[in-house]
């Protein structure tokens, strides 16, 4: 499963839009969408993303 698919599933489960997630991460929504579509998130960005959604790894 790709990172973008995992993030999408967690957003749906948590009831958080990707725009809201981007805001919480300090990113523009278009920047987050681009990173997800290209599957180009760094480990630190992914960790920050998961922390903002309340997911612990």
PDB file of N, CA and C in Angstrom:
ATOM      1  N   UNK A   1       0.855  -1.176   0.000  1.00  0.00           N
ATOM      2  CA  UNK A   1       0.000   0.000   0.000  1.00  0.00           C
ATOM      3  C   UNK A   1       0.899   1.236   0.000  1.00  0.00           C
ATOM      4  N   UNK A   2       0.556   2.198  -0.847  1.00  0.00           N
ATOM      5  CA  UNK A   2       1.338   3.424  -0.959  1.00  0.00           C
ATOM      6  C   UNK A   2       1.061   4.353   0.223  1.00  0.00           C
ATOM      7  N   UNK A   3       2.005   5.238   0.481  1.00  0.00           N
ATOM      8  CA  UNK A   3       1.867   6.207   1.564  1.00  0.00           C
ATOM      9  C   UNK A   3       0.610   7.045   1.394  1.00  0.00           C
ATOM     10  N   UNK A   4       0.343   7.486   0.183  1.00  0.00           N
ATOM     11  CA  UNK A   4      -0.831   8.321  -0.061  1.00  0.00           C
ATOM     12  C   UNK A   4      -2.120   7.579   0.271  1.00  0.00           C
ATOM     13  N   UNK A   5      -2.181   6.289  -0.020  1.00  0.00           N
ATOM     14  CA  UNK A   5      -3.363   5.493   0.296  1.00  0.00           C
ATOM     15  C   UNK A   5      -3.554   5.373   1.805  1.00  0.00           C
ATOM     16  N   UNK A   6      -2.462   5.203   2.515  1.00  0.00           N
ATOM     17  CA  UNK A   6      -2.531   5.103   3.976  1.00  0.00           C
ATOM     18  C   UNK A   6      -3.015   6.418   4.570  1.00  0.00           C
ATOM     19  N   UNK A   7      -2.441   7.532   4.113  1.00  0.00           N
ATOM     20  CA  UNK A   7      -2.840   8.854   4.612  1.00  0.00           C
ATOM     21  C   UNK A   7      -4.318   9.094   4.303  1.00  0.00           C
ATOM     22  N   UNK A   8      -4.757   8.749   3.099  1.00  0.00           N
ATOM     23  CA  UNK A   8      -6.167   8.918   2.731  1.00  0.00           C
ATOM     24  C   UNK A   8      -7.083   8.114   3.650  1.00  0.00           C
ATOM     25  N   UNK A   9      -6.734   6.871   3.918  1.00  0.00           N
ATOM     26  CA  UNK A   9      -7.554   6.025   4.783  1.00  0.00           C
ATOM     27  C   UNK A   9      -7.621   6.579   6.204  1.00  0.00           C
ATOM     28  N   UNK A  10      -6.502   7.039   6.716  1.00  0.00           N
ATOM     29  CA  UNK A  10      -6.489   7.601   8.071  1.00  0.00           C
ATOM     30  C   UNK A  10      -7.315   8.878   8.117  1.00  0.00           C
ATOM     31  N   UNK A  11      -7.198   9.733   7.098  1.00  0.00           N
ATOM     32  CA  UNK A  11      -7.997  10.964   7.038  1.00  0.00           C
ATOM     33  C   UNK A  11      -9.485  10.638   7.055  1.00  0.00           C
ATOM     34  N   UNK A  12      -9.877   9.661   6.267  1.00  0.00           N
ATOM     35  CA  UNK A  12     -11.288   9.267   6.214  1.00  0.00           C
ATOM     36  C   UNK A  12     -11.739   8.746   7.572  1.00  0.00           C
ATOM     37  N   UNK A  13     -10.931   7.890   8.168  1.00  0.00           N
ATOM     38  CA  UNK A  13     -11.281   7.302   9.469  1.00  0.00           C
ATOM     39  C   UNK A  13     -11.357   8.360  10.571  1.00  0.00           C
ATOM     40  N   UNK A  14     -10.439   9.329  10.538  1.00  0.00           N
ATOM     41  CA  UNK A  14     -10.391  10.378  11.559  1.00  0.00           C
ATOM     42  C   UNK A  14     -11.370  11.521  11.271  1.00  0.00           C
ATOM     43  N   UNK A  15     -11.903  11.573  10.061  1.00  0.00           N
ATOM     44  CA  UNK A  15     -12.810  12.654   9.687  1.00  0.00           C
ATOM     45  C   UNK A  15     -12.091  13.972   9.469  1.00  0.00           C
ATOM     46  N   UNK A  16     -10.850  13.896   8.978  1.00  0.00           N
ATOM     47  CA  UNK A  16     -10.026  15.076   8.738  1.00  0.00           C
ATOM     48  C   UNK A  16      -9.831  15.228   7.234  1.00  0.00           C
ATOM     49  N   UNK A  17     -10.061  16.420   6.721  1.00  0.00           N
ATOM     50  CA  UNK A  17      -9.792  16.643   5.300  1.00  0.00           C
ATOM     51  C   UNK A  17      -8.291  16.805   5.105  1.00  0.00           C
ATOM     52  N   UNK A  18      -7.838  16.558   3.887  1.00  0.00           N
ATOM     53  CA  UNK A  18      -6.407  16.727   3.602  1.00  0.00           C
ATOM     54  C   UNK A  18      -6.018  18.198   3.690  1.00  0.00           C
ATOM     55  N   UNK A  19      -6.950  19.092   3.411  1.00  0.00           N
ATOM     56  CA  UNK A  19      -6.679  20.528   3.544  1.00  0.00           C
ATOM     57  C   UNK A  19      -6.442  20.878   5.015  1.00  0.00           C
ATOM     58  N   UNK A  20      -7.247  20.315   5.903  1.00  0.00           N
ATOM     59  CA  UNK A  20      -7.064  20.542   7.339  1.00  0.00           C
ATOM     60  C   UNK A  20      -5.741  19.947   7.814  1.00  0.00           C
ATOM     61  N   UNK A  21      -5.412  18.772   7.317  1.00  0.00           N
ATOM     62  CA  UNK A  21      -4.143  18.141   7.669  1.00  0.00           C
ATOM     63  C   UNK A  21      -2.975  19.014   7.228  1.00  0.00           C
ATOM     64  N   UNK A  22      -3.048  19.542   6.013  1.00  0.00           N
ATOM     65  CA  UNK A  22      -1.986  20.415   5.505  1.00  0.00           C
ATOM     66  C   UNK A  22      -1.839  21.634   6.405  1.00  0.00           C
ATOM     67  N   UNK A  23      -2.967  22.209   6.823  1.00  0.00           N
ATOM     68  CA  UNK A  23      -2.936  23.382   7.706  1.00  0.00           C
ATOM     69  C   UNK A  23      -2.251  23.036   9.022  1.00  0.00           C
ATOM     70  N   UNK A  24      -2.586  21.886   9.580  1.00  0.00           N
ATOM     71  CA  UNK A  24      -1.967  21.447  10.843  1.00  0.00           C
ATOM     72  C   UNK A  24      -0.468  21.228  10.695  1.00  0.00           C
ATOM     73  N   UNK A  25      -0.049  20.809   9.500  1.00  0.00           N
ATOM     74  CA  UNK A  25       1.370  20.564   9.240  1.00  0.00           C
ATOM     75  C   UNK A  25       2.118  21.826   8.854  1.00  0.00           C
ATOM     76  N   UNK A  26       1.399  22.926   8.640  1.00  0.00           N
ATOM     77  CA  UNK A  26       2.055  24.167   8.232  1.00  0.00           C
ATOM     78  C   UNK A  26       2.374  24.200   6.747  1.00  0.00           C
ATOM     79  N   UNK A  27       1.607  23.458   5.957  1.00  0.00           N
ATOM     80  CA  UNK A  27       1.808  23.401   4.513  1.00  0.00           C
ATOM     81  C   UNK A  27       0.596  23.976   3.798  1.00  0.00           C
ATOM     82  N   UNK A  28       0.800  24.374   2.556  1.00  0.00           N
ATOM     83  CA  UNK A  28      -0.327  24.704   1.697  1.00  0.00           C
ATOM     84  C   UNK A  28      -0.957  23.386   1.257  1.00  0.00           C
ATOM     85  N   UNK A  29      -2.281  23.346   1.115  1.00  0.00           N
ATOM     86  CA  UNK A  29      -2.915  22.101   0.662  1.00  0.00           C
ATOM     87  C   UNK A  29      -2.330  21.577  -0.650  1.00  0.00           C
ATOM     88  N   UNK A  30      -2.045  22.468  -1.597  1.00  0.00           N
ATOM     89  CA  UNK A  30      -1.496  22.025  -2.884  1.00  0.00           C
ATOM     90  C   UNK A  30      -0.140  21.337  -2.706  1.00  0.00           C
ATOM     91  N   UNK A  31       0.636  21.800  -1.743  1.00  0.00           N
ATOM     92  CA  UNK A  31       1.938  21.189  -1.480  1.00  0.00           C
ATOM     93  C   UNK A  31       1.767  19.768  -0.935  1.00  0.00           C
ATOM     94  N   UNK A  32       0.814  19.600  -0.022  1.00  0.00           N
ATOM     95  CA  UNK A  32       0.561  18.268   0.524  1.00  0.00           C
ATOM     96  C   UNK A  32       0.029  17.338  -0.562  1.00  0.00           C
ATOM     97  N   UNK A  33      -0.906  17.826  -1.383  1.00  0.00           N
ATOM     98  CA  UNK A  33      -1.455  17.002  -2.464  1.00  0.00           C
ATOM     99  C   UNK A  33      -0.351  16.552  -3.419  1.00  0.00           C
ATOM    100  N   UNK A  34       0.567  17.472  -3.730  1.00  0.00           N
ATOM    101  CA  UNK A  34       1.670  17.150  -4.633  1.00  0.00           C
ATOM    102  C   UNK A  34       2.563  16.071  -4.033  1.00  0.00           C
ATOM    103  N   UNK A  35       2.877  16.217  -2.754  1.00  0.00           N
ATOM    104  CA  UNK A  35       3.721  15.218  -2.086  1.00  0.00           C
ATOM    105  C   UNK A  35       3.040  13.856  -2.060  1.00  0.00           C
ATOM    106  N   UNK A  36       1.736  13.841  -1.820  1.00  0.00           N
ATOM    107  CA  UNK A  36       1.011  12.574  -1.779  1.00  0.00           C
ATOM    108  C   UNK A  36       0.904  11.942  -3.164  1.00  0.00           C
ATOM    109  N   UNK A  37       0.653  12.762  -4.176  1.00  0.00           N
ATOM    110  CA  UNK A  37       0.499  12.215  -5.528  1.00  0.00           C
ATOM    111  C   UNK A  37       1.817  11.671  -6.069  1.00  0.00           C
ATOM    112  N   UNK A  38       2.906  12.291  -5.682  1.00  0.00           N
ATOM    113  CA  UNK A  38       4.225  11.837  -6.150  1.00  0.00           C
ATOM    114  C   UNK A  38       4.848  10.822  -5.202  1.00  0.00           C
ATOM    115  N   UNK A  39       4.189  10.580  -4.069  1.00  0.00           N
ATOM    116  CA  UNK A  39       4.704   9.682  -3.042  1.00  0.00           C
ATOM    117  C   UNK A  39       6.127  10.101  -2.653  1.00  0.00           C
ATOM    118  N   UNK A  40       6.278  11.428  -2.407  1.00  0.00           N
ATOM    119  CA  UNK A  40       7.611  11.975  -2.157  1.00  0.00           C
ATOM    120  C   UNK A  40       7.756  12.594  -0.765  1.00  0.00           C
ATOM    121  N   UNK A  41       7.031  12.064   0.219  1.00  0.00           N
ATOM    122  CA  UNK A  41       7.157  12.589   1.579  1.00  0.00           C
ATOM    123  C   UNK A  41       8.421  12.038   2.216  1.00  0.00           C
ATOM    124  N   UNK A  42       9.135  12.893   2.919  1.00  0.00           N
ATOM    125  CA  UNK A  42      10.289  12.424   3.668  1.00  0.00           C
ATOM    126  C   UNK A  42       9.788  11.731   4.932  1.00  0.00           C
ATOM    127  N   UNK A  43      10.672  11.013   5.581  1.00  0.00           N
ATOM    128  CA  UNK A  43      10.294  10.321   6.811  1.00  0.00           C
ATOM    129  C   UNK A  43       9.823  11.310   7.866  1.00  0.00           C
ATOM    130  N   UNK A  44      10.508  12.449   7.970  1.00  0.00           N
ATOM    131  CA  UNK A  44      10.132  13.463   8.952  1.00  0.00           C
ATOM    132  C   UNK A  44       8.748  14.037   8.661  1.00  0.00           C
ATOM    133  N   UNK A  45       8.454  14.286   7.381  1.00  0.00           N
ATOM    134  CA  UNK A  45       7.139  14.791   7.006  1.00  0.00           C
ATOM    135  C   UNK A  45       6.051  13.765   7.300  1.00  0.00           C
ATOM    136  N   UNK A  46       6.331  12.512   7.011  1.00  0.00           N
ATOM    137  CA  UNK A  46       5.367  11.456   7.290  1.00  0.00           C
ATOM    138  C   UNK A  46       5.120  11.331   8.788  1.00  0.00           C
ATOM    139  N   UNK A  47       6.185  11.405   9.564  1.00  0.00           N
ATOM    140  CA  UNK A  47       6.055  11.339  11.014  1.00  0.00           C
ATOM    141  C   UNK A  47       5.232  12.507  11.545  1.00  0.00           C
ATOM    142  N   UNK A  48       5.488  13.710  11.057  1.00  0.00           N
ATOM    143  CA  UNK A  48       4.724  14.893  11.464  1.00  0.00           C
ATOM    144  C   UNK A  48       3.263  14.759  11.060  1.00  0.00           C
ATOM    145  N   UNK A  49       3.043  14.227   9.864  1.00  0.00           N
ATOM    146  CA  UNK A  49       1.686  14.017   9.374  1.00  0.00           C
ATOM    147  C   UNK A  49       0.930  13.066  10.286  1.00  0.00           C
ATOM    148  N   UNK A  50       1.517  11.957  10.631  1.00  0.00           N
ATOM    149  CA  UNK A  50       0.876  10.976  11.492  1.00  0.00           C
ATOM    150  C   UNK A  50       0.642  11.522  12.902  1.00  0.00           C
ATOM    151  N   UNK A  51       1.592  12.283  13.410  1.00  0.00           N
ATOM    152  CA  UNK A  51       1.430  12.900  14.730  1.00  0.00           C
ATOM    153  C   UNK A  51       0.240  13.869  14.740  1.00  0.00           C
ATOM    154  N   UNK A  52       0.087  14.630  13.663  1.00  0.00           N
ATOM    155  CA  UNK A  52      -1.018  15.589  13.563  1.00  0.00           C
ATOM    156  C   UNK A  52      -2.368  14.905  13.465  1.00  0.00           C
ATOM    157  N   UNK A  53      -2.374  13.660  13.025  1.00  0.00           N
ATOM    158  CA  UNK A  53      -3.622  12.911  12.934  1.00  0.00           C
ATOM    159  C   UNK A  53      -3.862  12.064  14.186  1.00  0.00           C
ATOM    160  N   UNK A  54      -2.928  12.108  15.124  1.00  0.00           N
ATOM    161  CA  UNK A  54      -3.091  11.368  16.364  1.00  0.00           C
ATOM    162  C   UNK A  54      -2.770   9.891  16.237  1.00  0.00           C
ATOM    163  N   UNK A  55      -1.967   9.540  15.258  1.00  0.00           N
ATOM    164  CA  UNK A  55      -1.597   8.132  15.035  1.00  0.00           C
ATOM    165  C   UNK A  55      -0.205   7.918  15.601  1.00  0.00           C
ATOM    166  N   UNK A  56      -0.062   6.905  16.434  1.00  0.00           N
ATOM    167  CA  UNK A  56       1.253   6.576  16.970  1.00  0.00           C
ATOM    168  C   UNK A  56       1.762   5.324  16.294  1.00  0.00           C
ATOM    169  N   UNK A  57       3.058   5.323  16.033  1.00  0.00           N
ATOM    170  CA  UNK A  57       3.680   4.186  15.347  1.00  0.00           C
ATOM    171  C   UNK A  57       4.590   3.483  16.300  1.00  0.00           C
TER     172      UNK A  57
END
